[in-house]
Structure formats: structure tokens, C-alpha cells
């Protein structure tokens, strides 16, 4: 996976026309961050978390969902360790802020519960 500064910069520049996906080597899990995670979660089944280190939401998904997502977009490119899923239209991110808040709240609730 790429260096995290490059991932953050890519998500800051994300205009809503792409979902960026990274594969975690050796375990076959795929991840998206930020706005890409938001949109991936609306297209495929994902597990959502929040990275305190990156200050971004994270969507985690299996190879099966990777191919489901690939079949829902018009074009996919691979460059420098990341797949870019090009969307045919701008994705609506009006609820992005509320979604991040709910991800953080859910994470806080899970962490604070005794085992």
C-alpha cells in the first residue's frame, strides 16, 4: 500500500468522480479512505471504521466486493499501487459529514463497551 500522505492528498483532491482502492498485501483485503470509503460503502458491502492516525473513515472489503464494484463503474485504472474506479457521474456527497460523524460515534460506542 502507498504512503499515507499520498493517500490523504489523493482524497483531498477527490472531486467525487472516483473511488480510490488499495490492496493490503498478503491478506487479500481492499481498503478505501475518505470520500472513496463513503462511496464504496454505498455501492458494495463494506466494513467501516475510522482511522485516528489518518483522520479519515476507512472502508474494508473482500476481493468479491472489489469485483462487484469493478462491474458497476465505467472504467478502472491501476497506477502507483492504487486502483481508480471512474464513476460515470459525480457522486453525491451531501451526507458525507453526517456519515463520518456516525462512523466515529459507532466506533466510540463499540470501544467503550466492556468485553
N, C-alpha and C. Protein backbone atom coordinates (compact mmCIF):
# COMPACT_ATOMS: atom_id res chain seq x y z
N UNK A 1 0.85 -1.18 0.00
CA UNK A 1 0.00 0.00 0.00
C UNK A 1 0.89 1.24 0.00
N UNK A 2 0.39 2.29 -0.56
CA UNK A 2 1.14 3.54 -0.71
C UNK A 2 1.42 4.20 0.63
N UNK A 3 2.25 5.22 0.57
CA UNK A 3 2.48 6.01 1.78
C UNK A 3 1.21 6.80 2.10
N UNK A 4 0.96 6.97 3.37
CA UNK A 4 -0.31 7.53 3.81
C UNK A 4 -0.49 9.00 3.44
N UNK A 5 0.61 9.75 3.34
CA UNK A 5 0.49 11.15 2.92
C UNK A 5 -0.07 11.24 1.50
N UNK A 6 0.36 10.34 0.63
CA UNK A 6 -0.14 10.33 -0.75
C UNK A 6 -1.62 9.97 -0.78
N UNK A 7 -2.04 9.05 0.08
CA UNK A 7 -3.45 8.66 0.15
C UNK A 7 -4.30 9.84 0.60
N UNK A 8 -3.86 10.51 1.65
CA UNK A 8 -4.60 11.67 2.17
C UNK A 8 -4.72 12.75 1.09
N UNK A 9 -3.62 13.05 0.42
CA UNK A 9 -3.64 14.06 -0.63
C UNK A 9 -4.59 13.68 -1.77
N UNK A 10 -4.58 12.41 -2.14
CA UNK A 10 -5.47 11.94 -3.21
C UNK A 10 -6.93 12.13 -2.81
N UNK A 11 -7.25 11.85 -1.55
CA UNK A 11 -8.64 12.00 -1.09
C UNK A 11 -9.03 13.47 -0.96
N UNK A 12 -8.10 14.32 -0.58
CA UNK A 12 -8.39 15.76 -0.52
C UNK A 12 -8.74 16.28 -1.91
N UNK A 13 -8.06 15.76 -2.91
CA UNK A 13 -8.28 16.19 -4.30
C UNK A 13 -9.43 15.45 -4.99
N UNK A 14 -10.03 14.49 -4.31
CA UNK A 14 -11.10 13.70 -4.91
C UNK A 14 -12.31 14.60 -5.19
N UNK A 15 -12.65 14.70 -6.46
CA UNK A 15 -13.76 15.58 -6.87
C UNK A 15 -15.12 14.89 -6.77
N UNK A 16 -15.12 13.63 -6.38
CA UNK A 16 -16.38 12.89 -6.31
C UNK A 16 -16.64 12.07 -7.56
N UNK A 17 -15.69 12.04 -8.48
CA UNK A 17 -15.84 11.26 -9.71
C UNK A 17 -15.05 9.95 -9.66
N UNK A 18 -14.43 9.65 -8.52
CA UNK A 18 -13.60 8.45 -8.44
C UNK A 18 -13.67 7.81 -7.06
N UNK A 19 -13.47 6.50 -7.05
CA UNK A 19 -13.27 5.76 -5.81
C UNK A 19 -11.86 5.17 -5.91
N UNK A 20 -10.99 5.52 -4.96
CA UNK A 20 -9.63 5.01 -4.94
C UNK A 20 -9.58 3.80 -4.02
N UNK A 21 -8.96 2.73 -4.50
CA UNK A 21 -8.93 1.46 -3.77
C UNK A 21 -7.49 0.97 -3.69
N UNK A 22 -7.11 0.47 -2.51
CA UNK A 22 -5.76 -0.05 -2.26
C UNK A 22 -5.88 -1.47 -1.74
N UNK A 23 -4.96 -2.33 -2.15
CA UNK A 23 -4.95 -3.70 -1.65
C UNK A 23 -3.90 -3.82 -0.56
N UNK A 24 -4.27 -4.47 0.53
CA UNK A 24 -3.31 -4.74 1.59
C UNK A 24 -2.59 -6.04 1.21
N UNK A 25 -1.29 -5.95 1.00
CA UNK A 25 -0.54 -7.13 0.55
C UNK A 25 -0.66 -8.30 1.54
N UNK A 26 -0.58 -9.48 1.02
CA UNK A 26 -0.51 -10.74 1.77
C UNK A 26 -1.82 -11.21 2.37
N UNK A 27 -2.83 -10.36 2.48
CA UNK A 27 -4.08 -10.84 3.09
C UNK A 27 -5.29 -10.68 2.17
N UNK A 28 -5.12 -10.08 1.03
CA UNK A 28 -6.20 -10.01 0.05
C UNK A 28 -7.38 -9.16 0.45
N UNK A 29 -7.14 -8.16 1.26
CA UNK A 29 -8.19 -7.24 1.68
C UNK A 29 -7.96 -5.91 0.97
N UNK A 30 -9.06 -5.28 0.60
CA UNK A 30 -9.01 -3.99 -0.09
C UNK A 30 -9.53 -2.90 0.83
N UNK A 31 -8.98 -1.70 0.68
CA UNK A 31 -9.42 -0.57 1.51
C UNK A 31 -9.59 0.68 0.67
N UNK A 32 -10.49 1.52 1.14
CA UNK A 32 -10.67 2.87 0.60
C UNK A 32 -10.74 3.81 1.79
N UNK A 33 -10.36 5.04 1.56
CA UNK A 33 -10.34 6.03 2.63
C UNK A 33 -11.18 7.24 2.23
N UNK A 34 -11.60 8.01 3.23
CA UNK A 34 -12.25 9.29 2.98
C UNK A 34 -13.50 9.19 2.12
N UNK A 35 -13.60 10.11 1.17
CA UNK A 35 -14.75 10.15 0.27
C UNK A 35 -14.87 8.85 -0.53
N UNK A 36 -13.74 8.25 -0.87
CA UNK A 36 -13.78 6.96 -1.56
C UNK A 36 -14.44 5.89 -0.70
N UNK A 37 -14.15 5.89 0.60
CA UNK A 37 -14.78 4.94 1.52
C UNK A 37 -16.29 5.16 1.59
N UNK A 38 -16.68 6.43 1.65
CA UNK A 38 -18.11 6.79 1.69
C UNK A 38 -18.84 6.21 0.48
N UNK A 39 -18.29 6.43 -0.69
CA UNK A 39 -18.95 5.95 -1.90
C UNK A 39 -18.87 4.44 -2.04
N UNK A 40 -17.75 3.84 -1.68
CA UNK A 40 -17.66 2.37 -1.73
C UNK A 40 -18.72 1.75 -0.84
N UNK A 41 -18.94 2.33 0.33
CA UNK A 41 -19.93 1.81 1.27
C UNK A 41 -21.35 1.89 0.72
N UNK A 42 -21.58 2.78 -0.23
CA UNK A 42 -22.91 2.90 -0.83
C UNK A 42 -23.08 2.03 -2.08
N UNK A 43 -22.00 1.46 -2.58
CA UNK A 43 -22.07 0.61 -3.76
C UNK A 43 -21.94 -0.87 -3.44
N UNK A 44 -21.17 -1.21 -2.40
CA UNK A 44 -20.88 -2.61 -2.08
C UNK A 44 -20.93 -2.81 -0.57
N UNK A 45 -20.91 -4.07 -0.15
CA UNK A 45 -20.86 -4.39 1.28
C UNK A 45 -19.44 -4.14 1.78
N UNK A 46 -19.32 -3.30 2.81
CA UNK A 46 -18.01 -2.98 3.39
C UNK A 46 -18.10 -3.05 4.90
N UNK A 47 -16.95 -3.12 5.53
CA UNK A 47 -16.83 -2.91 6.97
C UNK A 47 -16.22 -1.53 7.12
N UNK A 48 -16.83 -0.71 7.96
CA UNK A 48 -16.41 0.68 8.09
C UNK A 48 -15.74 0.90 9.45
N UNK A 49 -14.70 1.71 9.42
CA UNK A 49 -14.05 2.14 10.66
C UNK A 49 -13.57 3.58 10.45
N UNK A 50 -12.85 4.08 11.45
CA UNK A 50 -12.30 5.43 11.35
C UNK A 50 -10.86 5.38 11.81
N UNK A 51 -9.96 5.96 11.04
CA UNK A 51 -8.54 5.99 11.38
C UNK A 51 -8.21 7.29 12.10
N UNK A 52 -7.87 7.18 13.38
CA UNK A 52 -7.46 8.36 14.14
C UNK A 52 -6.13 8.91 13.63
N UNK A 53 -5.29 8.04 13.10
CA UNK A 53 -3.99 8.46 12.58
C UNK A 53 -4.13 9.26 11.28
N UNK A 54 -4.99 8.79 10.38
CA UNK A 54 -5.19 9.48 9.10
C UNK A 54 -6.29 10.52 9.16
N UNK A 55 -7.11 10.46 10.20
CA UNK A 55 -8.27 11.33 10.36
C UNK A 55 -9.24 11.16 9.18
N UNK A 56 -9.42 9.91 8.77
CA UNK A 56 -10.31 9.59 7.66
C UNK A 56 -11.10 8.33 7.97
N UNK A 57 -12.32 8.24 7.45
CA UNK A 57 -13.03 6.97 7.53
C UNK A 57 -12.35 5.95 6.60
N UNK A 58 -12.55 4.68 6.92
CA UNK A 58 -11.93 3.59 6.17
C UNK A 58 -13.01 2.57 5.83
N UNK A 59 -13.06 2.14 4.57
CA UNK A 59 -13.94 1.05 4.16
C UNK A 59 -13.05 -0.14 3.81
N UNK A 60 -13.37 -1.29 4.39
CA UNK A 60 -12.60 -2.51 4.18
C UNK A 60 -13.51 -3.51 3.48
N UNK A 61 -13.00 -4.18 2.45
CA UNK A 61 -13.83 -5.15 1.75
C UNK A 61 -12.99 -6.25 1.12
N UNK A 62 -13.68 -7.34 0.78
CA UNK A 62 -13.04 -8.53 0.23
C UNK A 62 -12.88 -8.42 -1.29
N UNK A 63 -12.17 -9.39 -1.84
CA UNK A 63 -11.95 -9.42 -3.28
C UNK A 63 -13.27 -9.52 -4.05
N UNK A 64 -14.22 -10.27 -3.52
CA UNK A 64 -15.52 -10.40 -4.18
C UNK A 64 -16.15 -9.02 -4.38
N UNK A 65 -16.17 -8.20 -3.33
CA UNK A 65 -16.77 -6.86 -3.43
C UNK A 65 -15.96 -5.97 -4.37
N UNK A 66 -14.65 -6.18 -4.41
CA UNK A 66 -13.80 -5.44 -5.35
C UNK A 66 -14.32 -5.64 -6.78
N UNK A 67 -14.61 -6.90 -7.13
CA UNK A 67 -15.08 -7.19 -8.49
C UNK A 67 -16.52 -6.74 -8.71
N UNK A 68 -17.33 -6.77 -7.67
CA UNK A 68 -18.69 -6.21 -7.79
C UNK A 68 -18.59 -4.72 -8.11
N UNK A 69 -17.74 -4.01 -7.36
CA UNK A 69 -17.56 -2.58 -7.61
C UNK A 69 -17.02 -2.34 -9.02
N UNK A 70 -16.07 -3.16 -9.42
CA UNK A 70 -15.47 -3.02 -10.75
C UNK A 70 -16.53 -3.13 -11.85
N UNK A 71 -17.51 -3.98 -11.64
CA UNK A 71 -18.58 -4.16 -12.64
C UNK A 71 -19.61 -3.03 -12.63
N UNK A 72 -19.57 -2.16 -11.63
CA UNK A 72 -20.55 -1.08 -11.53
C UNK A 72 -20.04 0.25 -12.08
N UNK A 73 -18.79 0.30 -12.49
CA UNK A 73 -18.22 1.57 -12.95
C UNK A 73 -17.90 1.50 -14.44
N UNK A 74 -17.64 2.67 -15.02
CA UNK A 74 -17.39 2.71 -16.46
C UNK A 74 -15.94 2.40 -16.82
N UNK A 75 -15.00 2.63 -15.89
CA UNK A 75 -13.59 2.44 -16.22
C UNK A 75 -12.79 2.27 -14.93
N UNK A 76 -11.75 1.42 -14.98
CA UNK A 76 -10.86 1.22 -13.84
C UNK A 76 -9.42 1.34 -14.33
N UNK A 77 -8.63 2.13 -13.63
CA UNK A 77 -7.20 2.26 -13.92
C UNK A 77 -6.41 1.79 -12.71
N UNK A 78 -5.19 1.35 -12.95
CA UNK A 78 -4.27 1.00 -11.86
C UNK A 78 -2.98 1.76 -12.07
N UNK A 79 -2.54 2.46 -11.03
CA UNK A 79 -1.31 3.22 -11.12
C UNK A 79 -0.74 3.43 -9.72
N UNK A 80 0.54 3.18 -9.57
CA UNK A 80 1.25 3.50 -8.34
C UNK A 80 0.59 2.91 -7.10
N UNK A 81 0.14 1.66 -7.19
CA UNK A 81 -0.39 0.97 -6.02
C UNK A 81 -1.85 1.21 -5.71
N UNK A 82 -2.55 1.91 -6.60
CA UNK A 82 -3.97 2.20 -6.32
C UNK A 82 -4.81 2.00 -7.58
N UNK A 83 -6.00 1.48 -7.37
CA UNK A 83 -6.99 1.41 -8.45
C UNK A 83 -7.85 2.66 -8.38
N UNK A 84 -8.15 3.22 -9.52
CA UNK A 84 -9.08 4.33 -9.61
C UNK A 84 -10.32 3.84 -10.35
N UNK A 85 -11.44 3.82 -9.64
CA UNK A 85 -12.72 3.44 -10.22
C UNK A 85 -13.40 4.72 -10.68
N UNK A 86 -13.46 4.94 -11.98
CA UNK A 86 -14.04 6.16 -12.53
C UNK A 86 -15.56 6.02 -12.59
N UNK A 87 -16.24 6.97 -12.01
CA UNK A 87 -17.69 6.95 -11.97
C UNK A 87 -18.24 7.72 -13.17
N UNK A 88 -19.39 7.31 -13.65
CA UNK A 88 -19.98 7.98 -14.82
C UNK A 88 -20.53 9.36 -14.47
N UNK A 89 -20.94 9.55 -13.24
CA UNK A 89 -21.46 10.84 -12.78
C UNK A 89 -20.75 11.24 -11.50
N UNK A 90 -20.84 12.54 -11.19
CA UNK A 90 -20.36 12.97 -9.88
C UNK A 90 -21.18 12.26 -8.81
N UNK A 91 -20.52 11.79 -7.81
CA UNK A 91 -21.21 11.14 -6.72
C UNK A 91 -21.72 12.19 -5.75
N UNK A 92 -22.87 11.96 -5.20
CA UNK A 92 -23.47 12.90 -4.25
C UNK A 92 -22.83 12.71 -2.88
N UNK A 93 -22.23 13.76 -2.37
CA UNK A 93 -21.64 13.62 -1.03
C UNK A 93 -22.22 14.63 -0.05
N UNK A 94 -23.50 14.96 -0.22
CA UNK A 94 -24.17 15.87 0.70
C UNK A 94 -24.17 15.34 2.13
N UNK A 95 -24.30 14.03 2.29
CA UNK A 95 -24.38 13.44 3.63
C UNK A 95 -23.04 12.95 4.15
N UNK A 96 -21.95 13.30 3.49
CA UNK A 96 -20.63 12.80 3.87
C UNK A 96 -20.26 13.17 5.31
N UNK A 97 -20.47 14.41 5.70
CA UNK A 97 -20.14 14.85 7.06
C UNK A 97 -20.94 14.09 8.11
N UNK A 98 -22.23 13.93 7.87
CA UNK A 98 -23.07 13.17 8.81
C UNK A 98 -22.62 11.71 8.88
N UNK A 99 -22.24 11.16 7.74
CA UNK A 99 -21.78 9.77 7.70
C UNK A 99 -20.51 9.60 8.53
N UNK A 100 -19.55 10.53 8.39
CA UNK A 100 -18.32 10.47 9.19
C UNK A 100 -18.66 10.52 10.67
N UNK A 101 -19.55 11.43 11.06
CA UNK A 101 -19.95 11.53 12.47
C UNK A 101 -20.54 10.22 12.98
N UNK A 102 -21.36 9.57 12.16
CA UNK A 102 -21.97 8.31 12.60
C UNK A 102 -20.92 7.20 12.70
N UNK A 103 -19.94 7.19 11.81
CA UNK A 103 -18.86 6.20 11.87
C UNK A 103 -18.05 6.40 13.16
N UNK A 104 -17.71 7.64 13.47
CA UNK A 104 -16.96 7.93 14.70
C UNK A 104 -17.76 7.54 15.94
N UNK A 105 -19.05 7.86 15.94
CA UNK A 105 -19.90 7.56 17.09
C UNK A 105 -20.03 6.05 17.30
N UNK A 106 -20.24 5.33 16.22
CA UNK A 106 -20.35 3.87 16.32
C UNK A 106 -19.06 3.27 16.85
N UNK A 107 -17.94 3.76 16.37
CA UNK A 107 -16.63 3.26 16.82
C UNK A 107 -16.43 3.55 18.30
N UNK A 108 -16.79 4.77 18.72
CA UNK A 108 -16.65 5.14 20.12
C UNK A 108 -17.52 4.25 21.01
N UNK A 109 -18.73 3.96 20.57
CA UNK A 109 -19.65 3.11 21.33
C UNK A 109 -19.10 1.70 21.47
N UNK A 110 -18.57 1.16 20.39
CA UNK A 110 -18.02 -0.20 20.43
C UNK A 110 -16.80 -0.27 21.33
N UNK A 111 -15.91 0.71 21.23
CA UNK A 111 -14.69 0.71 22.02
C UNK A 111 -14.99 0.87 23.51
N UNK A 112 -16.01 1.64 23.85
CA UNK A 112 -16.29 1.91 25.26
C UNK A 112 -17.05 0.78 25.96
N UNK A 113 -17.55 -0.20 25.21
CA UNK A 113 -18.29 -1.29 25.83
C UNK A 113 -17.33 -2.32 26.41
N UNK A 114 -17.63 -2.79 27.64
CA UNK A 114 -16.75 -3.80 28.25
C UNK A 114 -16.86 -5.13 27.51
N UNK A 115 -15.79 -5.86 27.55
CA UNK A 115 -15.76 -7.18 26.90
C UNK A 115 -16.27 -8.24 27.84
